[in-house]
Amino acid sequence: MVRIRICPKCKNATLKSAVNISGWLAPRMYECKSCGYIGSLFIEIDPEDFKEINNSSEVDTDTK
């Protein structure tokens, strides 16, 4: 099953490895391209659930 890693800060799926040796000599670190978050924590979610979250957040922002 495919899972998506999303940023815990901005909830976007724009995480990438922060450093080349991540996971080898040091703990695995991720960097978010959207908000600049750097850390080892991430949220892992199914693609279907991610689509539902994005659709509901667009509706919420439109009503405010």
PDB file of N, CA and C in Angstrom:
ATOM      1  N   MET A   1       0.842  -1.180   0.000  1.00  0.00           N
ATOM      2  CA  MET A   1       0.000   0.000   0.000  1.00  0.00           C
ATOM      3  C   MET A   1       0.890   1.247   0.000  1.00  0.00           C
ATOM      4  N   VAL A   2       0.530   2.200  -0.833  1.00  0.00           N
ATOM      5  CA  VAL A   2       1.267   3.451  -0.944  1.00  0.00           C
ATOM      6  C   VAL A   2       0.802   4.395   0.160  1.00  0.00           C
ATOM      7  N   ARG A   3       1.748   5.042   0.809  1.00  0.00           N
ATOM      8  CA  ARG A   3       1.444   6.009   1.854  1.00  0.00           C
ATOM      9  C   ARG A   3       2.140   7.321   1.510  1.00  0.00           C
ATOM     10  N   ILE A   4       1.549   8.429   1.865  1.00  0.00           N
ATOM     11  CA  ILE A   4       2.108   9.740   1.610  1.00  0.00           C
ATOM     12  C   ILE A   4       2.632  10.306   2.918  1.00  0.00           C
ATOM     13  N   ARG A   5       3.822  10.898   2.868  1.00  0.00           N
ATOM     14  CA  ARG A   5       4.385  11.580   4.037  1.00  0.00           C
ATOM     15  C   ARG A   5       4.077  13.059   3.921  1.00  0.00           C
ATOM     16  N   ILE A   6       3.412  13.584   4.952  1.00  0.00           N
ATOM     17  CA  ILE A   6       3.071  15.001   4.931  1.00  0.00           C
ATOM     18  C   ILE A   6       3.724  15.721   6.104  1.00  0.00           C
ATOM     19  N   CYS A   7       3.914  17.010   5.936  1.00  0.00           N
ATOM     20  CA  CYS A   7       4.560  17.852   6.944  1.00  0.00           C
ATOM     21  C   CYS A   7       3.633  18.012   8.153  1.00  0.00           C
ATOM     22  N   PRO A   8       4.155  17.855   9.384  1.00  0.00           N
ATOM     23  CA  PRO A   8       3.301  18.020  10.566  1.00  0.00           C
ATOM     24  C   PRO A   8       2.937  19.476  10.837  1.00  0.00           C
ATOM     25  N   LYS A   9       3.655  20.410  10.228  1.00  0.00           N
ATOM     26  CA  LYS A   9       3.414  21.829  10.474  1.00  0.00           C
ATOM     27  C   LYS A   9       2.376  22.429   9.527  1.00  0.00           C
ATOM     28  N   CYS A  10       2.558  22.217   8.201  1.00  0.00           N
ATOM     29  CA  CYS A  10       1.663  22.849   7.223  1.00  0.00           C
ATOM     30  C   CYS A  10       0.729  21.860   6.528  1.00  0.00           C
ATOM     31  N   LYS A  11       0.885  20.561   6.793  1.00  0.00           N
ATOM     32  CA  LYS A  11       0.038  19.494   6.234  1.00  0.00           C
ATOM     33  C   LYS A  11       0.115  19.372   4.715  1.00  0.00           C
ATOM     34  N   ASN A  12       1.246  19.760   4.098  1.00  0.00           N
ATOM     35  CA  ASN A  12       1.462  19.594   2.666  1.00  0.00           C
ATOM     36  C   ASN A  12       2.356  18.390   2.422  1.00  0.00           C
ATOM     37  N   ALA A  13       2.225  17.780   1.264  1.00  0.00           N
ATOM     38  CA  ALA A  13       3.039  16.602   0.911  1.00  0.00           C
ATOM     39  C   ALA A  13       4.288  17.034   0.153  1.00  0.00           C
ATOM     40  N   THR A  14       5.080  17.910   0.766  1.00  0.00           N
ATOM     41  CA  THR A  14       6.260  18.452   0.103  1.00  0.00           C
ATOM     42  C   THR A  14       7.539  18.132   0.877  1.00  0.00           C
ATOM     43  N   LEU A  15       7.597  16.965   1.519  1.00  0.00           N
ATOM     44  CA  LEU A  15       8.779  16.586   2.285  1.00  0.00           C
ATOM     45  C   LEU A  15       9.832  15.954   1.383  1.00  0.00           C
ATOM     46  N   LYS A  16      11.095  16.248   1.691  1.00  0.00           N
ATOM     47  CA  LYS A  16      12.223  15.619   1.018  1.00  0.00           C
ATOM     48  C   LYS A  16      13.296  15.383   2.063  1.00  0.00           C
ATOM     49  N   SER A  17      14.285  14.555   1.744  1.00  0.00           N
ATOM     50  CA  SER A  17      15.391  14.319   2.675  1.00  0.00           C
ATOM     51  C   SER A  17      16.170  15.612   2.867  1.00  0.00           C
ATOM     52  N   ALA A  18      16.511  15.915   4.113  1.00  0.00           N
ATOM     53  CA  ALA A  18      17.192  17.167   4.420  1.00  0.00           C
ATOM     54  C   ALA A  18      18.685  17.094   4.128  1.00  0.00           C
ATOM     55  N   VAL A  19      19.305  15.957   4.411  1.00  0.00           N
ATOM     56  CA  VAL A  19      20.753  15.801   4.193  1.00  0.00           C
ATOM     57  C   VAL A  19      21.019  14.453   3.535  1.00  0.00           C
ATOM     58  N   ASN A  20      22.146  14.342   2.866  1.00  0.00           N
ATOM     59  CA  ASN A  20      22.470  13.121   2.134  1.00  0.00           C
ATOM     60  C   ASN A  20      22.772  11.929   3.040  1.00  0.00           C
ATOM     61  N   ILE A  21      23.346  12.163   4.218  1.00  0.00           N
ATOM     62  CA  ILE A  21      23.708  11.050   5.102  1.00  0.00           C
ATOM     63  C   ILE A  21      22.598  10.702   6.082  1.00  0.00           C
ATOM     64  N   SER A  22      21.460  11.307   5.896  1.00  0.00           N
ATOM     65  CA  SER A  22      20.327  11.078   6.770  1.00  0.00           C
ATOM     66  C   SER A  22      19.936   9.603   6.785  1.00  0.00           C
ATOM     67  N   GLY A  23      19.864   9.022   7.969  1.00  0.00           N
ATOM     68  CA  GLY A  23      19.510   7.620   8.120  1.00  0.00           C
ATOM     69  C   GLY A  23      20.705   6.698   8.154  1.00  0.00           C
ATOM     70  N   TRP A  24      21.882   7.220   7.820  1.00  0.00           N
ATOM     71  CA  TRP A  24      23.083   6.383   7.827  1.00  0.00           C
ATOM     72  C   TRP A  24      23.916   6.684   9.066  1.00  0.00           C
ATOM     73  N   LEU A  25      24.433   7.898   9.174  1.00  0.00           N
ATOM     74  CA  LEU A  25      25.196   8.298  10.352  1.00  0.00           C
ATOM     75  C   LEU A  25      24.359   9.094  11.348  1.00  0.00           C
ATOM     76  N   ALA A  26      23.313   9.663  10.866  1.00  0.00           N
ATOM     77  CA  ALA A  26      22.460  10.513  11.689  1.00  0.00           C
ATOM     78  C   ALA A  26      21.009  10.063  11.532  1.00  0.00           C
ATOM     79  N   PRO A  27      20.150  10.481  12.442  1.00  0.00           N
ATOM     80  CA  PRO A  27      18.724  10.146  12.277  1.00  0.00           C
ATOM     81  C   PRO A  27      18.186  10.734  10.972  1.00  0.00           C
ATOM     82  N   ARG A  28      17.222  10.071  10.381  1.00  0.00           N
ATOM     83  CA  ARG A  28      16.641  10.544   9.129  1.00  0.00           C
ATOM     84  C   ARG A  28      15.924  11.873   9.381  1.00  0.00           C
ATOM     85  N   MET A  29      16.288  12.887   8.602  1.00  0.00           N
ATOM     86  CA  MET A  29      15.704  14.220   8.729  1.00  0.00           C
ATOM     87  C   MET A  29      14.999  14.581   7.430  1.00  0.00           C
ATOM     88  N   TYR A  30      13.890  15.301   7.561  1.00  0.00           N
ATOM     89  CA  TYR A  30      13.101  15.717   6.407  1.00  0.00           C
ATOM     90  C   TYR A  30      12.961  17.229   6.412  1.00  0.00           C
ATOM     91  N   GLU A  31      12.864  17.794   5.210  1.00  0.00           N
ATOM     92  CA  GLU A  31      12.663  19.229   5.038  1.00  0.00           C
ATOM     93  C   GLU A  31      11.421  19.458   4.193  1.00  0.00           C
ATOM     94  N   CYS A  32      10.582  20.380   4.619  1.00  0.00           N
ATOM     95  CA  CYS A  32       9.374  20.728   3.876  1.00  0.00           C
ATOM     96  C   CYS A  32       9.697  21.881   2.931  1.00  0.00           C
ATOM     97  N   LYS A  33       9.369  21.703   1.658  1.00  0.00           N
ATOM     98  CA  LYS A  33       9.615  22.750   0.669  1.00  0.00           C
ATOM     99  C   LYS A  33       8.644  23.918   0.832  1.00  0.00           C
ATOM    100  N   SER A  34       7.486  23.685   1.422  1.00  0.00           N
ATOM    101  CA  SER A  34       6.471  24.735   1.558  1.00  0.00           C
ATOM    102  C   SER A  34       6.748  25.688   2.714  1.00  0.00           C
ATOM    103  N   CYS A  35       6.943  25.137   3.911  1.00  0.00           N
ATOM    104  CA  CYS A  35       7.051  25.990   5.095  1.00  0.00           C
ATOM    105  C   CYS A  35       8.452  26.053   5.699  1.00  0.00           C
ATOM    106  N   GLY A  36       9.369  25.206   5.232  1.00  0.00           N
ATOM    107  CA  GLY A  36      10.734  25.235   5.751  1.00  0.00           C
ATOM    108  C   GLY A  36      10.966  24.371   6.981  1.00  0.00           C
ATOM    109  N   TYR A  37       9.978  23.600   7.387  1.00  0.00           N
ATOM    110  CA  TYR A  37      10.124  22.699   8.535  1.00  0.00           C
ATOM    111  C   TYR A  37      11.278  21.733   8.294  1.00  0.00           C
ATOM    112  N   ILE A  38      12.114  21.531   9.315  1.00  0.00           N
ATOM    113  CA  ILE A  38      13.163  20.518   9.276  1.00  0.00           C
ATOM    114  C   ILE A  38      13.048  19.703  10.552  1.00  0.00           C
ATOM    115  N   GLY A  39      12.914  18.390  10.412  1.00  0.00           N
ATOM    116  CA  GLY A  39      12.812  17.523  11.568  1.00  0.00           C
ATOM    117  C   GLY A  39      12.650  16.078  11.163  1.00  0.00           C
ATOM    118  N   SER A  40      12.601  15.218  12.141  1.00  0.00           N
ATOM    119  CA  SER A  40      12.498  13.790  11.865  1.00  0.00           C
ATOM    120  C   SER A  40      11.058  13.288  11.917  1.00  0.00           C
ATOM    121  N   LEU A  41      10.125  14.115  12.352  1.00  0.00           N
ATOM    122  CA  LEU A  41       8.729  13.705  12.442  1.00  0.00           C
ATOM    123  C   LEU A  41       7.981  14.016  11.156  1.00  0.00           C
ATOM    124  N   PHE A  42       7.059  13.142  10.794  1.00  0.00           N
ATOM    125  CA  PHE A  42       6.186  13.366   9.655  1.00  0.00           C
ATOM    126  C   PHE A  42       4.904  12.594   9.891  1.00  0.00           C
ATOM    127  N   ILE A  43       3.870  12.929   9.142  1.00  0.00           N
ATOM    128  CA  ILE A  43       2.595  12.228   9.204  1.00  0.00           C
ATOM    129  C   ILE A  43       2.501  11.354   7.961  1.00  0.00           C
ATOM    130  N   GLU A  44       2.151  10.095   8.156  1.00  0.00           N
ATOM    131  CA  GLU A  44       2.006   9.174   7.042  1.00  0.00           C
ATOM    132  C   GLU A  44       0.521   8.860   6.873  1.00  0.00           C
ATOM    133  N   ILE A  45       0.003   9.038   5.659  1.00  0.00           N
ATOM    134  CA  ILE A  45      -1.429   8.954   5.422  1.00  0.00           C
ATOM    135  C   ILE A  45      -1.702   8.296   4.074  1.00  0.00           C
ATOM    136  N   ASP A  46      -2.865   7.680   3.940  1.00  0.00           N
ATOM    137  CA  ASP A  46      -3.278   7.102   2.659  1.00  0.00           C
ATOM    138  C   ASP A  46      -3.592   8.218   1.669  1.00  0.00           C
ATOM    139  N   PRO A  47      -3.338   8.001   0.377  1.00  0.00           N
ATOM    140  CA  PRO A  47      -3.646   9.024  -0.628  1.00  0.00           C
ATOM    141  C   PRO A  47      -5.118   9.438  -0.649  1.00  0.00           C
ATOM    142  N   GLU A  48      -6.030   8.497  -0.430  1.00  0.00           N
ATOM    143  CA  GLU A  48      -7.464   8.822  -0.416  1.00  0.00           C
ATOM    144  C   GLU A  48      -7.808   9.747   0.741  1.00  0.00           C
ATOM    145  N   ASP A  49      -7.244   9.483   1.918  1.00  0.00           N
ATOM    146  CA  ASP A  49      -7.494  10.334   3.075  1.00  0.00           C
ATOM    147  C   ASP A  49      -6.905  11.724   2.866  1.00  0.00           C
ATOM    148  N   PHE A  50      -5.745  11.786   2.214  1.00  0.00           N
ATOM    149  CA  PHE A  50      -5.099  13.065   1.932  1.00  0.00           C
ATOM    150  C   PHE A  50      -5.974  13.924   1.017  1.00  0.00           C
ATOM    151  N   LYS A  51      -6.592  13.299   0.010  1.00  0.00           N
ATOM    152  CA  LYS A  51      -7.493  14.028  -0.896  1.00  0.00           C
ATOM    153  C   LYS A  51      -8.697  14.569  -0.133  1.00  0.00           C
ATOM    154  N   GLU A  52      -9.243  13.767   0.774  1.00  0.00           N
ATOM    155  CA  GLU A  52     -10.397  14.196   1.568  1.00  0.00           C
ATOM    156  C   GLU A  52     -10.037  15.384   2.450  1.00  0.00           C
ATOM    157  N   ILE A  53      -8.850  15.345   3.059  1.00  0.00           N
ATOM    158  CA  ILE A  53      -8.410  16.442   3.919  1.00  0.00           C
ATOM    159  C   ILE A  53      -8.246  17.711   3.105  1.00  0.00           C
ATOM    160  N   ASN A  54      -7.631  17.612   1.937  1.00  0.00           N
ATOM    161  CA  ASN A  54      -7.441  18.786   1.092  1.00  0.00           C
ATOM    162  C   ASN A  54      -8.761  19.365   0.624  1.00  0.00           C
ATOM    163  N   ASN A  55      -9.712  18.516   0.247  1.00  0.00           N
ATOM    164  CA  ASN A  55     -11.014  18.998  -0.201  1.00  0.00           C
ATOM    165  C   ASN A  55     -11.778  19.685   0.925  1.00  0.00           C
ATOM    166  N   SER A  56     -11.727  19.127   2.120  1.00  0.00           N
ATOM    167  CA  SER A  56     -12.439  19.726   3.244  1.00  0.00           C
ATOM    168  C   SER A  56     -11.772  21.023   3.693  1.00  0.00           C
ATOM    169  N   SER A  57     -10.454  21.139   3.599  1.00  0.00           N
ATOM    170  CA  SER A  57      -9.782  22.376   4.001  1.00  0.00           C
ATOM    171  C   SER A  57     -10.055  23.489   3.001  1.00  0.00           C
ATOM    172  N   GLU A  58     -10.225  23.164   1.710  1.00  0.00           N
ATOM    173  CA  GLU A  58     -10.575  24.173   0.714  1.00  0.00           C
ATOM    174  C   GLU A  58     -11.968  24.707   0.977  1.00  0.00           C
ATOM    175  N   VAL A  59     -12.892  23.850   1.366  1.00  0.00           N
ATOM    176  CA  VAL A  59     -14.257  24.277   1.673  1.00  0.00           C
ATOM    177  C   VAL A  59     -14.242  25.153   2.906  1.00  0.00           C
ATOM    178  N   ASP A  60     -13.460  24.793   3.935  1.00  0.00           N
ATOM    179  CA  ASP A  60     -13.403  25.568   5.168  1.00  0.00           C
ATOM    180  C   ASP A  60     -12.846  26.969   4.924  1.00  0.00           C
ATOM    181  N   THR A  61     -11.809  27.092   4.091  1.00  0.00           N
ATOM    182  CA  THR A  61     -11.205  28.398   3.849  1.00  0.00           C
ATOM    183  C   THR A  61     -12.114  29.279   3.007  1.00  0.00           C
ATOM    184  N   ASP A  62     -12.949  28.689   2.169  1.00  0.00           N
ATOM    185  CA  ASP A  62     -13.858  29.464   1.340  1.00  0.00           C
ATOM    186  C   ASP A  62     -14.994  30.064   2.154  1.00  0.00           C
ATOM    187  N   THR A  63     -15.389  29.409   3.234  1.00  0.00           N
ATOM    188  CA  THR A  63     -16.513  29.885   4.026  1.00  0.00           C
ATOM    189  C   THR A  63     -16.123  30.946   5.033  1.00  0.00           C
ATOM    190  N   LYS A  64     -14.855  31.154   5.256  1.00  0.00           N
ATOM    191  CA  LYS A  64     -14.414  32.146   6.272  1.00  0.00           C
ATOM    192  C   LYS A  64     -14.318  33.525   5.704  1.00  0.00           C
TER     193      LYS A  64
END
